[in-house]
Amino acid sequence: MGEFELIRRYFDRPIPPRARQGVDLGIGDDCALITPGPGMQLAVSSDMLVSGRHFFADVDPRTLGHKALAVNLSDLAACGARPLAFTLALALPEAQPAWLEGFAQGLFALADAHGCALVGGDTTQGPLNLCITVFGEVPQGQALLRSGARVGDDLWVSGSLGDAALGLQALLGRVQLDDTLLQQTRQRLECPTPRVALGTALRGMASACADVSDGLLGDLGHILERSGVGARIDLTAAMLSGAVCAQFLRAAGQNDPQALALAQQCVLAGGDDYELVFCAPPTRREDVQQAAQACGVPVHRIGRIEAEAGLRVVDAQGTPVTLAVRSFDHFAR
């Protein structure tokens, strides 16, 4: 199968009706043409997934197709943007029809759910590598940024943190999970849910936002740096945001120091959560809860923004806690 036959068979298709608004021209020319709506700005983000680095080589291609787009949609969610379109650059060791069919199914199932059209990209032969660039739109001046946090803001996270990281540790053979927990955590690792609806609902409400891809502490640190502020995290509240890790702790024994350390690492710095960490004024607490409830996503208030630079983790009594955890960094040694 040649390159252009591969594209035609698995990736070239009519633009779905939900995705037509804003996409003027898709696959077939040297460039796609996208027009955001009146008063809108384009939001653009790219993410790369590399075999052996971001996913196991034997991963189900359908789940890989889902995750490849999900991690990009998560960036749009953090910006409060509505998805419009995406491009796919795909390197393959060989063109295997069964693999391509599954990958395309997973990719387009999520794309269609969000009205997001594939409008171009590239294919080549090489080590398995996927790079997606996604395009969204957000009302002029209403994008959620990392730079808007203000002293006194509440600090929130969505969903459940640490699930994916715990699943990865189990798949690497570093921890034993029962079948139910393993299935839950593996699902979260391989099929994350981008919080697009919540991100758009938080426009005009949240003062700053980021998606949690490399770990809560690290991604929150980006907000603090860009906003020129500090933060205090309540360790108990943060750990309550890790529902699956809490189940793991109960099974292992609450006083097991190794299990506790692993749970804290997963929740605070594990990465691959693709949840949102965001700030909002205390006066908007009820609004935040109502928006989250309308989107069907739980949210947890885990701390506050402070004037003093740096990130402090405290216990229930407000005493600083020293933790040996670190968020993911591709080039850290």
C-alpha atoms as a PDB file:
ATOM      1  CA  MET A   1       0.000   0.000   0.000  1.00  0.00           C
ATOM      2  CA  GLY A   2       1.441   3.364  -1.012  1.00  0.00           C
ATOM      3  CA  GLU A   3       1.366   6.589   1.016  1.00  0.00           C
ATOM      4  CA  PHE A   4      -1.509   8.209  -0.873  1.00  0.00           C
ATOM      5  CA  GLU A   5      -3.569   5.044  -0.899  1.00  0.00           C
ATOM      6  CA  LEU A   6      -3.032   4.827   2.876  1.00  0.00           C
ATOM      7  CA  ILE A   7      -4.296   8.397   3.325  1.00  0.00           C
ATOM      8  CA  ARG A   8      -7.258   7.884   0.998  1.00  0.00           C
ATOM      9  CA  ARG A   9      -8.315   4.606   2.610  1.00  0.00           C
ATOM     10  CA  TYR A  10      -7.987   5.487   6.298  1.00  0.00           C
ATOM     11  CA  PHE A  11      -7.925   9.258   6.754  1.00  0.00           C
ATOM     12  CA  ASP A  12      -9.545  11.077   3.822  1.00  0.00           C
ATOM     13  CA  ARG A  13     -13.274  11.433   4.383  1.00  0.00           C
ATOM     14  CA  PRO A  14     -15.974  14.106   4.093  1.00  0.00           C
ATOM     15  CA  ILE A  15     -15.935  16.702   6.837  1.00  0.00           C
ATOM     16  CA  PRO A  16     -18.615  15.687   9.386  1.00  0.00           C
ATOM     17  CA  PRO A  17     -21.569  18.106   9.665  1.00  0.00           C
ATOM     18  CA  ARG A  18     -20.680  19.123  13.233  1.00  0.00           C
ATOM     19  CA  ALA A  19     -17.180  20.098  12.104  1.00  0.00           C
ATOM     20  CA  ARG A  20     -18.087  22.088   8.996  1.00  0.00           C
ATOM     21  CA  GLN A  21     -18.427  25.421  10.775  1.00  0.00           C
ATOM     22  CA  GLY A  22     -15.034  27.102  10.505  1.00  0.00           C
ATOM     23  CA  VAL A  23     -13.437  24.543   8.156  1.00  0.00           C
ATOM     24  CA  ASP A  24     -13.466  25.847   4.576  1.00  0.00           C
ATOM     25  CA  LEU A  25     -11.094  23.308   3.023  1.00  0.00           C
ATOM     26  CA  GLY A  26      -9.766  20.028   4.362  1.00  0.00           C
ATOM     27  CA  ILE A  27      -7.617  17.222   2.944  1.00  0.00           C
ATOM     28  CA  GLY A  28      -6.633  17.392  -0.727  1.00  0.00           C
ATOM     29  CA  ASP A  29      -4.653  20.617  -1.163  1.00  0.00           C
ATOM     30  CA  ASP A  30      -1.297  21.832   0.080  1.00  0.00           C
ATOM     31  CA  CYS A  31      -2.978  23.741   2.911  1.00  0.00           C
ATOM     32  CA  ALA A  32      -6.240  23.533   4.799  1.00  0.00           C
ATOM     33  CA  LEU A  33      -8.342  26.675   5.161  1.00  0.00           C
ATOM     34  CA  ILE A  34      -9.926  27.537   8.509  1.00  0.00           C
ATOM     35  CA  THR A  35     -12.006  30.606   9.333  1.00  0.00           C
ATOM     36  CA  PRO A  36     -12.860  31.221  12.985  1.00  0.00           C
ATOM     37  CA  GLY A  37     -16.263  32.730  13.701  1.00  0.00           C
ATOM     38  CA  PRO A  38     -16.783  36.490  14.004  1.00  0.00           C
ATOM     39  CA  GLY A  39     -15.124  37.857  17.132  1.00  0.00           C
ATOM     40  CA  MET A  40     -13.173  34.632  17.666  1.00  0.00           C
ATOM     41  CA  GLN A  41      -9.464  33.901  18.036  1.00  0.00           C
ATOM     42  CA  LEU A  42      -7.730  30.725  16.854  1.00  0.00           C
ATOM     43  CA  ALA A  43      -6.259  28.542  19.595  1.00  0.00           C
ATOM     44  CA  VAL A  44      -3.491  26.242  18.307  1.00  0.00           C
ATOM     45  CA  SER A  45      -1.563  23.473  20.077  1.00  0.00           C
ATOM     46  CA  SER A  46       0.689  20.529  19.119  1.00  0.00           C
ATOM     47  CA  ASP A  47       1.578  17.329  20.953  1.00  0.00           C
ATOM     48  CA  MET A  48       3.781  14.401  19.958  1.00  0.00           C
ATOM     49  CA  LEU A  49       3.466  10.792  21.093  1.00  0.00           C
ATOM     50  CA  VAL A  50       6.506   8.540  20.627  1.00  0.00           C
ATOM     51  CA  SER A  51       6.445   4.748  20.867  1.00  0.00           C
ATOM     52  CA  GLY A  52       8.318   3.529  23.944  1.00  0.00           C
ATOM     53  CA  ARG A  53       8.219   6.987  25.479  1.00  0.00           C
ATOM     54  CA  HIS A  54       4.527   7.853  25.658  1.00  0.00           C
ATOM     55  CA  PHE A  55       2.920   4.482  25.000  1.00  0.00           C
ATOM     56  CA  PHE A  56       3.772   0.779  24.878  1.00  0.00           C
ATOM     57  CA  ALA A  57       4.571  -0.577  21.422  1.00  0.00           C
ATOM     58  CA  ASP A  58       1.795  -3.194  21.721  1.00  0.00           C
ATOM     59  CA  VAL A  59      -0.946  -0.753  22.751  1.00  0.00           C
ATOM     60  CA  ASP A  60      -4.371  -1.259  21.176  1.00  0.00           C
ATOM     61  CA  PRO A  61      -4.298   1.008  18.095  1.00  0.00           C
ATOM     62  CA  ARG A  62      -7.874   2.158  18.743  1.00  0.00           C
ATOM     63  CA  THR A  63      -6.970   3.479  22.190  1.00  0.00           C
ATOM     64  CA  LEU A  64      -3.815   5.055  20.757  1.00  0.00           C
ATOM     65  CA  GLY A  65      -5.885   6.893  18.145  1.00  0.00           C
ATOM     66  CA  HIS A  66      -8.116   8.180  20.930  1.00  0.00           C
ATOM     67  CA  LYS A  67      -5.247   9.309  23.147  1.00  0.00           C
ATOM     68  CA  ALA A  68      -3.322  10.986  20.320  1.00  0.00           C
ATOM     69  CA  LEU A  69      -6.191  13.432  19.828  1.00  0.00           C
ATOM     70  CA  ALA A  70      -7.325  13.555  23.469  1.00  0.00           C
ATOM     71  CA  VAL A  71      -4.055  15.034  24.724  1.00  0.00           C
ATOM     72  CA  ASN A  72      -4.408  17.862  22.195  1.00  0.00           C
ATOM     73  CA  LEU A  73      -8.065  18.496  22.970  1.00  0.00           C
ATOM     74  CA  SER A  74      -7.009  18.759  26.616  1.00  0.00           C
ATOM     75  CA  ASP A  75      -4.860  21.768  25.684  1.00  0.00           C
ATOM     76  CA  LEU A  76      -7.871  23.407  24.027  1.00  0.00           C
ATOM     77  CA  ALA A  77      -9.905  22.674  27.152  1.00  0.00           C
ATOM     78  CA  ALA A  78      -7.310  24.434  29.297  1.00  0.00           C
ATOM     79  CA  CYS A  79      -7.641  27.480  27.047  1.00  0.00           C
ATOM     80  CA  GLY A  80     -11.452  27.399  27.079  1.00  0.00           C
ATOM     81  CA  ALA A  81     -11.537  26.836  23.310  1.00  0.00           C
ATOM     82  CA  ARG A  82     -14.018  24.935  21.148  1.00  0.00           C
ATOM     83  CA  PRO A  83     -12.341  22.379  18.839  1.00  0.00           C
ATOM     84  CA  LEU A  84     -12.468  23.053  15.090  1.00  0.00           C
ATOM     85  CA  ALA A  85      -9.923  20.889  13.265  1.00  0.00           C
ATOM     86  CA  PHE A  86      -6.607  19.042  13.500  1.00  0.00           C
ATOM     87  CA  THR A  87      -3.710  17.774  11.417  1.00  0.00           C
ATOM     88  CA  LEU A  88      -1.929  14.440  11.855  1.00  0.00           C
ATOM     89  CA  ALA A  89       1.726  13.699  11.137  1.00  0.00           C
ATOM     90  CA  LEU A  90       2.219   9.943  11.338  1.00  0.00           C
ATOM     91  CA  ALA A  91       5.423   7.896  11.055  1.00  0.00           C
ATOM     92  CA  LEU A  92       4.883   4.139  10.679  1.00  0.00           C
ATOM     93  CA  PRO A  93       7.368   1.255  10.526  1.00  0.00           C
ATOM     94  CA  GLU A  94       5.015  -0.374   8.004  1.00  0.00           C
ATOM     95  CA  ALA A  95       1.468   0.081   6.705  1.00  0.00           C
ATOM     96  CA  GLN A  96      -0.545  -2.644   8.459  1.00  0.00           C
ATOM     97  CA  PRO A  97      -4.244  -2.445   7.490  1.00  0.00           C
ATOM     98  CA  ALA A  98      -5.565  -3.887  10.765  1.00  0.00           C
ATOM     99  CA  TRP A  99      -3.494  -1.429  12.833  1.00  0.00           C
ATOM    100  CA  LEU A 100      -4.478   1.539  10.665  1.00  0.00           C
ATOM    101  CA  GLU A 101      -8.155   0.596  10.763  1.00  0.00           C
ATOM    102  CA  GLY A 102      -8.185   0.468  14.575  1.00  0.00           C
ATOM    103  CA  PHE A 103      -6.163   3.655  14.935  1.00  0.00           C
ATOM    104  CA  ALA A 104      -8.446   5.573  12.579  1.00  0.00           C
ATOM    105  CA  GLN A 105     -11.555   4.292  14.386  1.00  0.00           C
ATOM    106  CA  GLY A 106     -10.309   5.519  17.763  1.00  0.00           C
ATOM    107  CA  LEU A 107      -9.138   8.819  16.327  1.00  0.00           C
ATOM    108  CA  PHE A 108     -12.345   9.642  14.485  1.00  0.00           C
ATOM    109  CA  ALA A 109     -14.675   8.465  17.257  1.00  0.00           C
ATOM    110  CA  LEU A 110     -13.249  11.148  19.546  1.00  0.00           C
ATOM    111  CA  ALA A 111     -12.983  13.707  16.736  1.00  0.00           C
ATOM    112  CA  ASP A 112     -16.645  13.264  15.842  1.00  0.00           C
ATOM    113  CA  ALA A 113     -17.687  13.517  19.487  1.00  0.00           C
ATOM    114  CA  HIS A 114     -16.133  16.981  19.580  1.00  0.00           C
ATOM    115  CA  GLY A 115     -16.988  18.142  16.059  1.00  0.00           C
ATOM    116  CA  CYS A 116     -13.304  18.297  15.129  1.00  0.00           C
ATOM    117  CA  ALA A 117     -12.250  17.589  11.518  1.00  0.00           C
ATOM    118  CA  LEU A 118      -9.007  16.081  10.244  1.00  0.00           C
ATOM    119  CA  VAL A 119      -7.846  18.611   7.617  1.00  0.00           C
ATOM    120  CA  GLY A 120      -4.339  17.468   6.662  1.00  0.00           C
ATOM    121  CA  GLY A 121      -0.940  16.263   7.828  1.00  0.00           C
ATOM    122  CA  ASP A 122       1.785  13.938   6.629  1.00  0.00           C
ATOM    123  CA  THR A 123       2.716  10.245   6.581  1.00  0.00           C
ATOM    124  CA  THR A 124       6.155   8.702   6.349  1.00  0.00           C
ATOM    125  CA  GLN A 125       7.971   5.466   7.115  1.00  0.00           C
ATOM    126  CA  GLY A 126       9.956   5.358  10.345  1.00  0.00           C
ATOM    127  CA  PRO A 127       9.742   4.532  14.058  1.00  0.00           C
ATOM    128  CA  LEU A 128       6.144   4.825  15.273  1.00  0.00           C
ATOM    129  CA  ASN A 129       5.548   8.481  16.071  1.00  0.00           C
ATOM    130  CA  LEU A 130       2.412  10.631  16.067  1.00  0.00           C
ATOM    131  CA  CYS A 131       2.163  14.403  16.099  1.00  0.00           C
ATOM    132  CA  ILE A 132      -1.176  16.204  16.094  1.00  0.00           C
ATOM    133  CA  THR A 133      -1.756  19.925  15.794  1.00  0.00           C
ATOM    134  CA  VAL A 134      -5.218  21.002  16.874  1.00  0.00           C
ATOM    135  CA  PHE A 135      -7.103  24.207  16.087  1.00  0.00           C
ATOM    136  CA  GLY A 136      -9.891  25.685  18.174  1.00  0.00           C
ATOM    137  CA  GLU A 137     -11.718  28.956  18.586  1.00  0.00           C
ATOM    138  CA  VAL A 138     -12.347  31.100  21.629  1.00  0.00           C
ATOM    139  CA  PRO A 139     -14.086  34.493  21.935  1.00  0.00           C
ATOM    140  CA  GLN A 140     -11.679  37.400  21.574  1.00  0.00           C
ATOM    141  CA  GLY A 141     -10.052  38.170  24.929  1.00  0.00           C
ATOM    142  CA  GLN A 142     -11.786  35.297  26.770  1.00  0.00           C
ATOM    143  CA  ALA A 143      -9.113  32.588  26.505  1.00  0.00           C
ATOM    144  CA  LEU A 144      -8.118  30.987  29.791  1.00  0.00           C
ATOM    145  CA  LEU A 145      -4.400  31.608  30.286  1.00  0.00           C
ATOM    146  CA  ARG A 146      -1.760  30.577  32.783  1.00  0.00           C
ATOM    147  CA  SER A 147      -0.992  34.213  33.576  1.00  0.00           C
ATOM    148  CA  GLY A 148      -4.239  35.298  35.227  1.00  0.00           C
ATOM    149  CA  ALA A 149      -4.005  33.882  38.777  1.00  0.00           C
ATOM    150  CA  ARG A 150      -4.578  36.463  41.516  1.00  0.00           C
ATOM    151  CA  VAL A 151      -3.734  36.455  45.218  1.00  0.00           C
ATOM    152  CA  GLY A 152      -6.680  35.067  47.169  1.00  0.00           C
ATOM    153  CA  ASP A 153      -7.999  32.897  44.344  1.00  0.00           C
ATOM    154  CA  ASP A 154      -9.164  29.396  45.139  1.00  0.00           C
ATOM    155  CA  LEU A 155      -7.184  26.583  43.553  1.00  0.00           C
ATOM    156  CA  TRP A 156      -9.224  23.789  41.938  1.00  0.00           C
ATOM    157  CA  VAL A 157      -8.638  20.529  40.077  1.00  0.00           C
ATOM    158  CA  SER A 158     -11.088  18.534  38.000  1.00  0.00           C
ATOM    159  CA  GLY A 159     -11.739  14.823  37.949  1.00  0.00           C
ATOM    160  CA  SER A 160      -9.517  12.264  39.614  1.00  0.00           C
ATOM    161  CA  LEU A 161      -5.751  12.709  39.761  1.00  0.00           C
ATOM    162  CA  GLY A 162      -3.148   9.951  39.865  1.00  0.00           C
ATOM    163  CA  ASP A 163      -5.154   7.169  38.185  1.00  0.00           C
ATOM    164  CA  ALA A 164      -3.076   7.013  35.010  1.00  0.00           C
ATOM    165  CA  ALA A 165       0.244   7.166  36.851  1.00  0.00           C
ATOM    166  CA  LEU A 166      -0.824   4.344  39.165  1.00  0.00           C
ATOM    167  CA  GLY A 167      -1.855   2.279  36.156  1.00  0.00           C
ATOM    168  CA  LEU A 168       1.524   2.874  34.525  1.00  0.00           C
ATOM    169  CA  GLN A 169       3.331   1.701  37.659  1.00  0.00           C
ATOM    170  CA  ALA A 170       1.229  -1.480  37.606  1.00  0.00           C
ATOM    171  CA  LEU A 171       1.898  -2.129  33.915  1.00  0.00           C
ATOM    172  CA  LEU A 172       5.622  -1.675  34.563  1.00  0.00           C
ATOM    173  CA  GLY A 173       5.392  -4.310  37.302  1.00  0.00           C
ATOM    174  CA  ARG A 174       6.279  -1.924  40.131  1.00  0.00           C
ATOM    175  CA  VAL A 175       3.027  -2.369  42.043  1.00  0.00           C
ATOM    176  CA  GLN A 176       0.305  -5.011  42.190  1.00  0.00           C
ATOM    177  CA  LEU A 177      -3.326  -3.979  41.625  1.00  0.00           C
ATOM    178  CA  ASP A 178      -6.436  -6.128  41.669  1.00  0.00           C
ATOM    179  CA  ASP A 179      -8.149  -6.665  38.334  1.00  0.00           C
ATOM    180  CA  THR A 180     -10.764  -3.943  38.885  1.00  0.00           C
ATOM    181  CA  LEU A 181      -8.246  -1.253  39.841  1.00  0.00           C
ATOM    182  CA  LEU A 182      -5.915  -2.271  37.035  1.00  0.00           C
ATOM    183  CA  GLN A 183      -8.709  -1.963  34.501  1.00  0.00           C
ATOM    184  CA  GLN A 184      -9.745   1.448  35.862  1.00  0.00           C
ATOM    185  CA  THR A 185      -6.239   2.852  35.873  1.00  0.00           C
ATOM    186  CA  ARG A 186      -5.295   1.430  32.485  1.00  0.00           C
ATOM    187  CA  GLN A 187      -8.421   2.977  30.973  1.00  0.00           C
ATOM    188  CA  ARG A 188      -7.428   6.363  32.384  1.00  0.00           C
ATOM    189  CA  LEU A 189      -3.869   5.973  31.104  1.00  0.00           C
ATOM    190  CA  GLU A 190      -4.775   4.918  27.585  1.00  0.00           C
ATOM    191  CA  CYS A 191      -8.127   6.690  27.054  1.00  0.00           C
ATOM    192  CA  PRO A 192      -8.076  10.033  28.899  1.00  0.00           C
ATOM    193  CA  THR A 193     -11.151  12.265  28.742  1.00  0.00           C
ATOM    194  CA  PRO A 194     -10.364  15.830  27.631  1.00  0.00           C
ATOM    195  CA  ARG A 195     -12.377  18.289  29.739  1.00  0.00           C
ATOM    196  CA  VAL A 196     -13.489  20.447  26.801  1.00  0.00           C
ATOM    197  CA  ALA A 197     -16.988  21.171  28.118  1.00  0.00           C
ATOM    198  CA  LEU A 198     -15.652  22.227  31.517  1.00  0.00           C
ATOM    199  CA  GLY A 199     -12.980  24.419  29.949  1.00  0.00           C
ATOM    200  CA  THR A 200     -15.493  26.370  27.895  1.00  0.00           C
ATOM    201  CA  ALA A 201     -17.845  26.598  30.902  1.00  0.00           C
ATOM    202  CA  LEU A 202     -15.063  28.183  32.982  1.00  0.00           C
ATOM    203  CA  ARG A 203     -14.612  31.116  30.587  1.00  0.00           C
ATOM    204  CA  GLY A 204     -15.321  34.354  32.457  1.00  0.00           C
ATOM    205  CA  MET A 205     -15.154  32.462  35.746  1.00  0.00           C
ATOM    206  CA  ALA A 206     -11.645  31.023  36.089  1.00  0.00           C
ATOM    207  CA  SER A 207      -8.759  33.469  36.322  1.00  0.00           C
ATOM    208  CA  ALA A 208      -6.096  30.990  35.130  1.00  0.00           C
ATOM    209  CA  CYS A 209      -6.013  27.419  33.893  1.00  0.00           C
ATOM    210  CA  ALA A 210      -3.681  24.652  32.673  1.00  0.00           C
ATOM    211  CA  ASP A 211      -4.139  21.008  31.835  1.00  0.00           C
ATOM    212  CA  VAL A 212      -2.469  18.441  34.071  1.00  0.00           C
ATOM    213  CA  SER A 213      -0.290  16.439  31.696  1.00  0.00           C
ATOM    214  CA  ASP A 214       3.075  16.254  33.488  1.00  0.00           C
ATOM    215  CA  GLY A 215       1.797  16.240  37.074  1.00  0.00           C
ATOM    216  CA  LEU A 216      -0.176  18.622  39.301  1.00  0.00           C
ATOM    217  CA  LEU A 217       2.783  20.268  41.028  1.00  0.00           C
ATOM    218  CA  GLY A 218       4.676  20.854  37.800  1.00  0.00           C
ATOM    219  CA  ASP A 219       1.720  22.148  35.784  1.00  0.00           C
ATOM    220  CA  LEU A 220       0.516  24.344  38.641  1.00  0.00           C
ATOM    221  CA  GLY A 221       4.070  25.661  38.803  1.00  0.00           C
ATOM    222  CA  HIS A 222       3.664  26.977  35.250  1.00  0.00           C
ATOM    223  CA  ILE A 223       0.618  28.990  36.365  1.00  0.00           C
ATOM    224  CA  LEU A 224       2.481  30.390  39.361  1.00  0.00           C
ATOM    225  CA  GLU A 225       5.485  31.385  37.263  1.00  0.00           C
ATOM    226  CA  ARG A 226       3.426  33.034  34.531  1.00  0.00           C
ATOM    227  CA  SER A 227       1.213  34.823  37.052  1.00  0.00           C
ATOM    228  CA  GLY A 228       4.003  35.922  39.399  1.00  0.00           C
ATOM    229  CA  VAL A 229       2.337  34.425  42.478  1.00  0.00           C
ATOM    230  CA  GLY A 230       2.693  31.503  44.883  1.00  0.00           C
ATOM    231  CA  ALA A 231       0.278  28.890  46.195  1.00  0.00           C
ATOM    232  CA  ARG A 232      -0.594  26.747  49.189  1.00  0.00           C
ATOM    233  CA  ILE A 233      -1.962  23.227  48.654  1.00  0.00           C
ATOM    234  CA  ASP A 234      -3.860  21.326  51.334  1.00  0.00           C
ATOM    235  CA  LEU A 235      -2.358  17.822  51.085  1.00  0.00           C
ATOM    236  CA  THR A 236      -5.492  16.145  52.482  1.00  0.00           C
ATOM    237  CA  ALA A 237      -7.747  17.890  49.954  1.00  0.00           C
ATOM    238  CA  ALA A 238      -5.346  17.124  47.107  1.00  0.00           C
ATOM    239  CA  MET A 239      -5.229  13.435  48.012  1.00  0.00           C
ATOM    240  CA  LEU A 240      -9.043  13.326  48.105  1.00  0.00           C
ATOM    241  CA  SER A 241      -8.964  14.292  44.415  1.00  0.00           C
ATOM    242  CA  GLY A 242      -7.319  10.926  43.712  1.00  0.00           C
ATOM    243  CA  ALA A 243     -10.296   8.609  44.080  1.00  0.00           C
ATOM    244  CA  VAL A 244      -8.642   5.529  42.578  1.00  0.00           C
ATOM    245  CA  CYS A 245      -5.424   6.090  44.512  1.00  0.00           C
ATOM    246  CA  ALA A 246      -7.547   6.259  47.662  1.00  0.00           C
ATOM    247  CA  GLN A 247      -8.946   2.813  46.833  1.00  0.00           C
ATOM    248  CA  PHE A 248      -5.406   1.550  46.343  1.00  0.00           C
ATOM    249  CA  LEU A 249      -4.370   2.960  49.731  1.00  0.00           C
ATOM    250  CA  ARG A 250      -7.317   1.358  51.503  1.00  0.00           C
ATOM    251  CA  ALA A 251      -6.444  -1.991  49.944  1.00  0.00           C
ATOM    252  CA  ALA A 252      -2.748  -1.671  50.799  1.00  0.00           C
ATOM    253  CA  GLY A 253      -3.320  -0.273  54.276  1.00  0.00           C
ATOM    254  CA  GLN A 254      -3.430   3.404  55.157  1.00  0.00           C
ATOM    255  CA  ASN A 255      -0.287   3.119  57.284  1.00  0.00           C
ATOM    256  CA  ASP A 256       1.835   1.410  54.628  1.00  0.00           C
ATOM    257  CA  PRO A 257       4.596   4.006  54.046  1.00  0.00           C
ATOM    258  CA  GLN A 258       5.503   2.710  50.586  1.00  0.00           C
ATOM    259  CA  ALA A 259       1.890   2.688  49.416  1.00  0.00           C
ATOM    260  CA  LEU A 260       1.342   6.183  50.827  1.00  0.00           C
ATOM    261  CA  ALA A 261       4.451   7.525  49.119  1.00  0.00           C
ATOM    262  CA  LEU A 262       3.386   5.985  45.806  1.00  0.00           C
ATOM    263  CA  ALA A 263      -0.141   7.390  46.087  1.00  0.00           C
ATOM    264  CA  GLN A 264       1.229  10.869  46.850  1.00  0.00           C
ATOM    265  CA  GLN A 265       3.623  10.675  43.907  1.00  0.00           C
ATOM    266  CA  CYS A 266       0.823   9.620  41.560  1.00  0.00           C
ATOM    267  CA  VAL A 267      -1.677  12.276  42.689  1.00  0.00           C
ATOM    268  CA  LEU A 268       0.715  15.201  43.019  1.00  0.00           C
ATOM    269  CA  ALA A 269       3.217  14.539  40.268  1.00  0.00           C
ATOM    270  CA  GLY A 270       2.287  11.424  38.300  1.00  0.00           C
ATOM    271  CA  GLY A 271       1.148  13.013  35.046  1.00  0.00           C
ATOM    272  CA  ASP A 272      -1.035  11.733  32.193  1.00  0.00           C
ATOM    273  CA  ASP A 273      -4.158  12.911  34.053  1.00  0.00           C
ATOM    274  CA  TYR A 274      -5.367  15.395  31.404  1.00  0.00           C
ATOM    275  CA  GLU A 275      -7.511  17.065  34.030  1.00  0.00           C
ATOM    276  CA  LEU A 276      -7.668  20.837  34.562  1.00  0.00           C
ATOM    277  CA  VAL A 277      -6.000  22.805  37.356  1.00  0.00           C
ATOM    278  CA  PHE A 278      -7.514  26.259  37.592  1.00  0.00           C
ATOM    279  CA  CYS A 279      -7.932  29.316  39.800  1.00  0.00           C
ATOM    280  CA  ALA A 280     -11.076  31.302  40.519  1.00  0.00           C
ATOM    281  CA  PRO A 281     -12.102  33.981  43.039  1.00  0.00           C
ATOM    282  CA  PRO A 282     -13.765  32.672  46.221  1.00  0.00           C
ATOM    283  CA  THR A 283     -16.921  34.567  45.221  1.00  0.00           C
ATOM    284  CA  ARG A 284     -17.327  32.158  42.294  1.00  0.00           C
ATOM    285  CA  ARG A 285     -17.276  28.915  44.299  1.00  0.00           C
ATOM    286  CA  GLU A 286     -20.946  28.178  43.734  1.00  0.00           C
ATOM    287  CA  ASP A 287     -20.638  29.054  40.051  1.00  0.00           C
ATOM    288  CA  VAL A 288     -17.679  26.693  39.651  1.00  0.00           C
ATOM    289  CA  GLN A 289     -19.570  23.851  41.327  1.00  0.00           C
ATOM    290  CA  GLN A 290     -22.660  24.429  39.183  1.00  0.00           C
ATOM    291  CA  ALA A 291     -20.608  24.569  35.973  1.00  0.00           C
ATOM    292  CA  ALA A 292     -18.803  21.352  36.874  1.00  0.00           C
ATOM    293  CA  GLN A 293     -22.049  19.619  37.775  1.00  0.00           C
ATOM    294  CA  ALA A 294     -23.600  20.668  34.464  1.00  0.00           C
ATOM    295  CA  CYS A 295     -20.592  19.143  32.660  1.00  0.00           C
ATOM    296  CA  GLY A 296     -20.725  15.955  34.722  1.00  0.00           C
ATOM    297  CA  VAL A 297     -17.185  16.458  36.036  1.00  0.00           C
ATOM    298  CA  PRO A 298     -16.318  16.487  39.761  1.00  0.00           C
ATOM    299  CA  VAL A 299     -14.081  19.321  40.956  1.00  0.00           C
ATOM    300  CA  HIS A 300     -12.068  19.653  44.163  1.00  0.00           C
ATOM    301  CA  ARG A 301     -10.897  22.823  45.890  1.00  0.00           C
ATOM    302  CA  ILE A 302      -7.363  22.023  47.031  1.00  0.00           C
ATOM    303  CA  GLY A 303      -5.747  25.299  48.047  1.00  0.00           C
ATOM    304  CA  ARG A 304      -5.331  29.001  47.351  1.00  0.00           C
ATOM    305  CA  ILE A 305      -3.120  31.472  45.574  1.00  0.00           C
ATOM    306  CA  GLU A 306      -0.766  33.521  47.774  1.00  0.00           C
ATOM    307  CA  ALA A 307       1.517  36.501  47.283  1.00  0.00           C
ATOM    308  CA  GLU A 308       4.651  34.718  48.524  1.00  0.00           C
ATOM    309  CA  ALA A 309       6.467  33.062  45.645  1.00  0.00           C
ATOM    310  CA  GLY A 310       6.760  29.285  45.558  1.00  0.00           C
ATOM    311  CA  LEU A 311       4.503  26.313  46.134  1.00  0.00           C
ATOM    312  CA  ARG A 312       3.826  25.104  49.667  1.00  0.00           C
ATOM    313  CA  VAL A 313       2.133  21.816  50.597  1.00  0.00           C
ATOM    314  CA  VAL A 314       0.614  21.752  54.099  1.00  0.00           C
ATOM    315  CA  ASP A 315      -1.231  19.231  56.253  1.00  0.00           C
ATOM    316  CA  ALA A 316      -4.676  19.673  57.832  1.00  0.00           C
ATOM    317  CA  GLN A 317      -3.153  21.832  60.590  1.00  0.00           C
ATOM    318  CA  GLY A 318      -1.381  24.094  58.117  1.00  0.00           C
ATOM    319  CA  THR A 319       2.047  22.667  58.871  1.00  0.00           C
ATOM    320  CA  PRO A 320       4.394  22.522  55.849  1.00  0.00           C
ATOM    321  CA  VAL A 321       4.964  19.010  54.502  1.00  0.00           C
ATOM    322  CA  THR A 322       8.163  18.003  52.718  1.00  0.00           C
ATOM    323  CA  LEU A 323       7.504  15.541  49.920  1.00  0.00           C
ATOM    324  CA  ALA A 324      10.010  13.728  47.721  1.00  0.00           C
ATOM    325  CA  VAL A 325       7.917  14.006  44.562  1.00  0.00           C
ATOM    326  CA  ARG A 326       8.753  15.505  41.174  1.00  0.00           C
ATOM    327  CA  SER A 327       6.674  16.048  38.062  1.00  0.00           C
ATOM    328  CA  PHE A 328       7.633  14.552  34.718  1.00  0.00           C
ATOM    329  CA  ASP A 329      10.295  16.219  32.572  1.00  0.00           C
ATOM    330  CA  HIS A 330      11.500  14.613  29.325  1.00  0.00           C
ATOM    331  CA  PHE A 331      15.048  15.887  29.750  1.00  0.00           C
ATOM    332  CA  ALA A 332      15.476  15.687  33.534  1.00  0.00           C
ATOM    333  CA  ARG A 333      18.246  13.480  34.830  1.00  0.00           C
END
